[in-house]
């Protein structure tokens, strides 16, 4: 169970740090804040997926909820709402799509 929570969390943190750095973010409070934000959102989302439902619709609805929560959290770390939404949307879209790509690749190599 720990692996099913820790691997996605670490992958998400690495991917989202990469996105933030690509977007030019260098403030430590934002970069380290993103780690805290991801612990607060990624772990509960993956717990729900592991324990209750692991369907695509659950993932999409969960990700939309995470985008809203993370935008609110990023707003405490950055100066404007627009930047908070951009960070949340891009970070979550790229990490979600990367995760789905890895699932697809693993399925292709399984068969």
N, C-alpha and C. Protein backbone atom coordinates (compact mmCIF):
# COMPACT_ATOMS: atom_id res chain seq x y z
N UNK A 1 0.83 -1.20 0.00
CA UNK A 1 0.00 0.00 0.00
C UNK A 1 0.87 1.26 0.00
N UNK A 2 1.96 1.24 0.77
CA UNK A 2 2.83 2.42 0.84
C UNK A 2 3.40 2.73 -0.54
N UNK A 3 3.82 1.70 -1.27
CA UNK A 3 4.38 1.90 -2.61
C UNK A 3 3.35 2.52 -3.55
N UNK A 4 2.09 2.09 -3.45
CA UNK A 4 1.04 2.61 -4.32
C UNK A 4 0.71 4.07 -4.01
N UNK A 5 1.17 4.56 -2.86
CA UNK A 5 0.98 5.98 -2.53
C UNK A 5 2.26 6.78 -2.72
N UNK A 6 3.39 6.18 -2.37
CA UNK A 6 4.66 6.90 -2.41
C UNK A 6 5.16 7.13 -3.84
N UNK A 7 5.06 6.13 -4.69
CA UNK A 7 5.55 6.27 -6.08
C UNK A 7 4.80 7.38 -6.82
N UNK A 8 3.47 7.38 -6.82
CA UNK A 8 2.78 8.50 -7.50
C UNK A 8 3.08 9.86 -6.88
N UNK A 9 3.24 9.90 -5.56
CA UNK A 9 3.53 11.18 -4.90
C UNK A 9 4.89 11.71 -5.34
N UNK A 10 5.91 10.87 -5.29
CA UNK A 10 7.25 11.30 -5.67
C UNK A 10 7.28 11.70 -7.15
N UNK A 11 6.65 10.88 -7.99
CA UNK A 11 6.60 11.21 -9.42
C UNK A 11 5.91 12.55 -9.66
N UNK A 12 4.82 12.78 -8.97
CA UNK A 12 4.08 14.04 -9.12
C UNK A 12 4.93 15.22 -8.68
N UNK A 13 5.62 15.08 -7.56
CA UNK A 13 6.46 16.17 -7.06
C UNK A 13 7.56 16.49 -8.06
N UNK A 14 8.21 15.46 -8.59
CA UNK A 14 9.30 15.68 -9.56
C UNK A 14 8.76 16.34 -10.83
N UNK A 15 7.65 15.84 -11.35
CA UNK A 15 7.07 16.39 -12.58
C UNK A 15 6.64 17.84 -12.36
N UNK A 16 5.96 18.09 -11.26
CA UNK A 16 5.44 19.44 -11.03
C UNK A 16 6.56 20.44 -10.71
N UNK A 17 7.63 20.01 -10.05
CA UNK A 17 8.78 20.88 -9.88
C UNK A 17 9.36 21.22 -11.24
N UNK A 18 9.44 20.22 -12.11
CA UNK A 18 9.95 20.47 -13.46
C UNK A 18 9.11 21.48 -14.21
N UNK A 19 7.80 21.37 -14.08
CA UNK A 19 6.89 22.32 -14.73
C UNK A 19 7.10 23.72 -14.16
N UNK A 20 7.15 23.83 -12.85
CA UNK A 20 7.34 25.14 -12.22
C UNK A 20 8.67 25.76 -12.63
N UNK A 21 9.73 24.96 -12.66
CA UNK A 21 11.03 25.47 -13.09
C UNK A 21 10.99 25.89 -14.56
N UNK A 22 10.32 25.10 -15.40
CA UNK A 22 10.17 25.43 -16.81
C UNK A 22 9.43 26.75 -16.99
N UNK A 23 8.46 27.00 -16.12
CA UNK A 23 7.70 28.25 -16.18
C UNK A 23 8.48 29.43 -15.60
N UNK A 24 9.68 29.18 -15.11
CA UNK A 24 10.52 30.25 -14.60
C UNK A 24 10.41 30.51 -13.11
N UNK A 25 9.71 29.65 -12.41
CA UNK A 25 9.56 29.83 -10.96
C UNK A 25 10.86 29.45 -10.25
N UNK A 26 11.37 30.36 -9.40
CA UNK A 26 12.61 30.10 -8.68
C UNK A 26 12.47 30.37 -7.17
N UNK A 27 11.30 30.88 -6.78
CA UNK A 27 11.12 31.18 -5.35
C UNK A 27 11.00 29.89 -4.55
N UNK A 28 11.84 29.79 -3.53
CA UNK A 28 11.85 28.58 -2.70
C UNK A 28 10.50 28.33 -2.04
N UNK A 29 9.84 29.39 -1.60
CA UNK A 29 8.55 29.19 -0.91
C UNK A 29 7.54 28.54 -1.85
N UNK A 30 7.59 28.86 -3.13
CA UNK A 30 6.66 28.25 -4.08
C UNK A 30 7.08 26.82 -4.39
N UNK A 31 8.37 26.60 -4.63
CA UNK A 31 8.85 25.25 -4.96
C UNK A 31 8.64 24.28 -3.79
N UNK A 32 9.02 24.69 -2.60
CA UNK A 32 8.81 23.82 -1.44
C UNK A 32 7.34 23.75 -1.05
N UNK A 33 6.63 24.85 -1.27
CA UNK A 33 5.19 24.84 -1.03
C UNK A 33 4.48 23.84 -1.93
N UNK A 34 4.97 23.67 -3.15
CA UNK A 34 4.35 22.70 -4.05
C UNK A 34 4.49 21.28 -3.51
N UNK A 35 5.58 21.00 -2.80
CA UNK A 35 5.74 19.68 -2.18
C UNK A 35 4.65 19.47 -1.13
N UNK A 36 4.46 20.45 -0.27
CA UNK A 36 3.43 20.36 0.77
C UNK A 36 2.05 20.24 0.14
N UNK A 37 1.80 21.06 -0.86
CA UNK A 37 0.51 21.03 -1.55
C UNK A 37 0.25 19.64 -2.13
N UNK A 38 1.27 19.04 -2.75
CA UNK A 38 1.09 17.72 -3.35
C UNK A 38 0.88 16.63 -2.30
N UNK A 39 1.53 16.73 -1.16
CA UNK A 39 1.28 15.76 -0.09
C UNK A 39 -0.18 15.88 0.37
N UNK A 40 -0.67 17.11 0.46
CA UNK A 40 -2.04 17.33 0.93
C UNK A 40 -3.10 16.88 -0.08
N UNK A 41 -2.77 16.89 -1.37
CA UNK A 41 -3.78 16.54 -2.38
C UNK A 41 -3.56 15.18 -3.02
N UNK A 42 -2.30 14.82 -3.29
CA UNK A 42 -2.00 13.58 -4.00
C UNK A 42 -2.29 12.35 -3.15
N UNK A 43 -1.88 12.39 -1.89
CA UNK A 43 -2.07 11.23 -1.02
C UNK A 43 -3.56 10.91 -0.84
N UNK A 44 -4.41 11.88 -0.47
CA UNK A 44 -5.84 11.54 -0.35
C UNK A 44 -6.46 11.06 -1.67
N UNK A 45 -6.07 11.68 -2.79
CA UNK A 45 -6.62 11.26 -4.07
C UNK A 45 -6.24 9.81 -4.38
N UNK A 46 -4.98 9.46 -4.16
CA UNK A 46 -4.55 8.10 -4.43
C UNK A 46 -5.09 7.10 -3.42
N UNK A 47 -5.26 7.51 -2.17
CA UNK A 47 -5.92 6.65 -1.19
C UNK A 47 -7.34 6.32 -1.63
N UNK A 48 -8.04 7.32 -2.09
CA UNK A 48 -9.40 7.10 -2.59
C UNK A 48 -9.38 6.16 -3.79
N UNK A 49 -8.45 6.38 -4.70
CA UNK A 49 -8.36 5.54 -5.90
C UNK A 49 -8.03 4.10 -5.54
N UNK A 50 -7.16 3.89 -4.58
CA UNK A 50 -6.76 2.54 -4.19
C UNK A 50 -7.86 1.85 -3.39
N UNK A 51 -8.48 2.56 -2.48
CA UNK A 51 -9.42 1.94 -1.54
C UNK A 51 -10.87 1.91 -2.03
N UNK A 52 -11.26 2.86 -2.85
CA UNK A 52 -12.67 2.98 -3.21
C UNK A 52 -12.92 2.74 -4.69
N UNK A 53 -12.30 3.54 -5.53
CA UNK A 53 -12.59 3.45 -6.95
C UNK A 53 -11.36 3.85 -7.75
N UNK A 54 -11.07 3.09 -8.81
CA UNK A 54 -9.89 3.37 -9.60
C UNK A 54 -10.24 3.58 -11.07
N UNK A 55 -11.42 4.09 -11.36
CA UNK A 55 -11.83 4.31 -12.73
C UNK A 55 -11.35 5.64 -13.27
N UNK A 56 -11.41 5.77 -14.58
CA UNK A 56 -10.98 7.01 -15.23
C UNK A 56 -11.85 8.19 -14.80
N UNK A 57 -13.15 7.97 -14.66
CA UNK A 57 -14.03 9.07 -14.26
C UNK A 57 -13.68 9.56 -12.85
N UNK A 58 -13.32 8.64 -11.97
CA UNK A 58 -12.89 9.01 -10.63
C UNK A 58 -11.62 9.84 -10.70
N UNK A 59 -10.70 9.43 -11.54
CA UNK A 59 -9.43 10.15 -11.69
C UNK A 59 -9.66 11.55 -12.22
N UNK A 60 -10.51 11.69 -13.22
CA UNK A 60 -10.77 13.00 -13.82
C UNK A 60 -11.46 13.93 -12.82
N UNK A 61 -12.49 13.44 -12.16
CA UNK A 61 -13.20 14.26 -11.17
C UNK A 61 -12.26 14.61 -10.02
N UNK A 62 -11.46 13.64 -9.58
CA UNK A 62 -10.49 13.89 -8.52
C UNK A 62 -9.47 14.92 -8.92
N UNK A 63 -8.97 14.83 -10.15
CA UNK A 63 -7.99 15.80 -10.64
C UNK A 63 -8.59 17.20 -10.73
N UNK A 64 -9.83 17.30 -11.15
CA UNK A 64 -10.48 18.62 -11.21
C UNK A 64 -10.60 19.24 -9.82
N UNK A 65 -10.94 18.41 -8.85
CA UNK A 65 -11.02 18.90 -7.47
C UNK A 65 -9.64 19.32 -6.98
N UNK A 66 -8.62 18.52 -7.31
CA UNK A 66 -7.25 18.84 -6.92
C UNK A 66 -6.80 20.16 -7.55
N UNK A 67 -7.16 20.39 -8.81
CA UNK A 67 -6.79 21.64 -9.48
C UNK A 67 -7.34 22.84 -8.71
N UNK A 68 -8.57 22.75 -8.28
CA UNK A 68 -9.18 23.86 -7.53
C UNK A 68 -8.48 24.05 -6.19
N UNK A 69 -8.30 22.96 -5.45
CA UNK A 69 -7.66 23.05 -4.13
C UNK A 69 -6.24 23.59 -4.27
N UNK A 70 -5.48 23.07 -5.25
CA UNK A 70 -4.10 23.52 -5.42
C UNK A 70 -4.03 24.97 -5.88
N UNK A 71 -4.97 25.41 -6.69
CA UNK A 71 -4.99 26.83 -7.10
C UNK A 71 -5.18 27.72 -5.87
N UNK A 72 -6.07 27.30 -4.98
CA UNK A 72 -6.28 28.06 -3.75
C UNK A 72 -5.00 28.09 -2.91
N UNK A 73 -4.31 26.97 -2.83
CA UNK A 73 -3.06 26.90 -2.07
C UNK A 73 -1.96 27.73 -2.74
N UNK A 74 -1.84 27.62 -4.06
CA UNK A 74 -0.82 28.41 -4.76
C UNK A 74 -1.08 29.90 -4.61
N UNK A 75 -2.34 30.28 -4.48
CA UNK A 75 -2.66 31.71 -4.32
C UNK A 75 -2.02 32.29 -3.07
N UNK A 76 -1.84 31.46 -2.03
CA UNK A 76 -1.16 31.93 -0.82
C UNK A 76 0.33 32.14 -1.07
N UNK A 77 0.86 31.49 -2.12
CA UNK A 77 2.30 31.52 -2.36
C UNK A 77 2.72 32.50 -3.46
N UNK A 78 1.80 32.84 -4.34
CA UNK A 78 2.12 33.74 -5.46
C UNK A 78 1.27 35.00 -5.36
N UNK A 79 1.59 35.97 -6.18
CA UNK A 79 0.97 37.29 -6.05
C UNK A 79 -0.40 37.44 -6.69
N UNK A 80 -0.71 36.61 -7.67
CA UNK A 80 -1.98 36.82 -8.38
C UNK A 80 -2.70 35.51 -8.67
N UNK A 81 -4.03 35.63 -8.78
CA UNK A 81 -4.87 34.47 -9.06
C UNK A 81 -4.52 33.81 -10.38
N UNK A 82 -4.27 34.62 -11.39
CA UNK A 82 -3.98 34.07 -12.72
C UNK A 82 -2.79 33.13 -12.67
N UNK A 83 -1.74 33.54 -11.99
CA UNK A 83 -0.54 32.70 -11.87
C UNK A 83 -0.84 31.43 -11.07
N UNK A 84 -1.63 31.54 -10.03
CA UNK A 84 -2.01 30.37 -9.22
C UNK A 84 -2.76 29.35 -10.07
N UNK A 85 -3.71 29.82 -10.89
CA UNK A 85 -4.47 28.92 -11.76
C UNK A 85 -3.59 28.30 -12.83
N UNK A 86 -2.70 29.09 -13.40
CA UNK A 86 -1.79 28.55 -14.42
C UNK A 86 -0.92 27.46 -13.82
N UNK A 87 -0.34 27.74 -12.66
CA UNK A 87 0.50 26.74 -12.01
C UNK A 87 -0.29 25.46 -11.74
N UNK A 88 -1.45 25.61 -11.16
CA UNK A 88 -2.25 24.44 -10.81
C UNK A 88 -2.69 23.65 -12.04
N UNK A 89 -3.21 24.36 -13.04
CA UNK A 89 -3.69 23.67 -14.25
C UNK A 89 -2.56 22.98 -15.01
N UNK A 90 -1.47 23.68 -15.26
CA UNK A 90 -0.37 23.08 -16.02
C UNK A 90 0.31 21.95 -15.26
N UNK A 91 0.59 22.17 -13.98
CA UNK A 91 1.24 21.12 -13.19
C UNK A 91 0.39 19.86 -13.15
N UNK A 92 -0.89 20.02 -12.89
CA UNK A 92 -1.75 18.85 -12.77
C UNK A 92 -2.04 18.19 -14.12
N UNK A 93 -2.21 18.98 -15.15
CA UNK A 93 -2.45 18.40 -16.47
C UNK A 93 -1.24 17.58 -16.93
N UNK A 94 -0.06 18.13 -16.76
CA UNK A 94 1.14 17.43 -17.23
C UNK A 94 1.41 16.20 -16.37
N UNK A 95 1.25 16.30 -15.06
CA UNK A 95 1.50 15.11 -14.23
C UNK A 95 0.44 14.04 -14.47
N UNK A 96 -0.81 14.44 -14.66
CA UNK A 96 -1.87 13.47 -14.95
C UNK A 96 -1.63 12.78 -16.29
N UNK A 97 -1.34 13.56 -17.32
CA UNK A 97 -1.10 12.97 -18.64
C UNK A 97 0.15 12.09 -18.66
N UNK A 98 1.18 12.48 -17.92
CA UNK A 98 2.38 11.66 -17.82
C UNK A 98 2.04 10.33 -17.15
N UNK A 99 1.26 10.37 -16.10
CA UNK A 99 0.83 9.14 -15.43
C UNK A 99 0.03 8.24 -16.35
N UNK A 100 -0.89 8.83 -17.10
CA UNK A 100 -1.69 8.04 -18.04
C UNK A 100 -0.82 7.45 -19.15
N UNK A 101 0.17 8.20 -19.59
CA UNK A 101 1.10 7.70 -20.61
C UNK A 101 1.88 6.50 -20.09
N UNK A 102 2.34 6.56 -18.86
CA UNK A 102 3.05 5.42 -18.28
C UNK A 102 2.14 4.20 -18.13
N UNK A 103 0.89 4.41 -17.78
CA UNK A 103 -0.06 3.30 -17.71
C UNK A 103 -0.23 2.68 -19.09
N UNK A 104 -0.40 3.50 -20.10
CA UNK A 104 -0.55 3.02 -21.47
C UNK A 104 0.68 2.24 -21.92
N UNK A 105 1.85 2.76 -21.66
CA UNK A 105 3.09 2.08 -22.04
C UNK A 105 3.22 0.75 -21.31
N UNK A 106 2.89 0.74 -20.03
CA UNK A 106 2.99 -0.52 -19.28
C UNK A 106 1.99 -1.55 -19.81
N UNK A 107 0.81 -1.11 -20.22
CA UNK A 107 -0.17 -2.03 -20.81
C UNK A 107 0.32 -2.59 -22.13
N UNK A 108 0.95 -1.74 -22.95
CA UNK A 108 1.46 -2.19 -24.23
C UNK A 108 2.55 -3.25 -24.06
N UNK A 109 3.39 -3.08 -23.06
CA UNK A 109 4.47 -4.04 -22.84
C UNK A 109 4.02 -5.28 -22.08
N UNK A 110 2.83 -5.21 -21.48
CA UNK A 110 2.29 -6.36 -20.77
C UNK A 110 1.75 -7.38 -21.75
N UNK A 111 1.22 -6.92 -22.86
CA UNK A 111 0.60 -7.83 -23.84
C UNK A 111 1.53 -8.22 -24.91
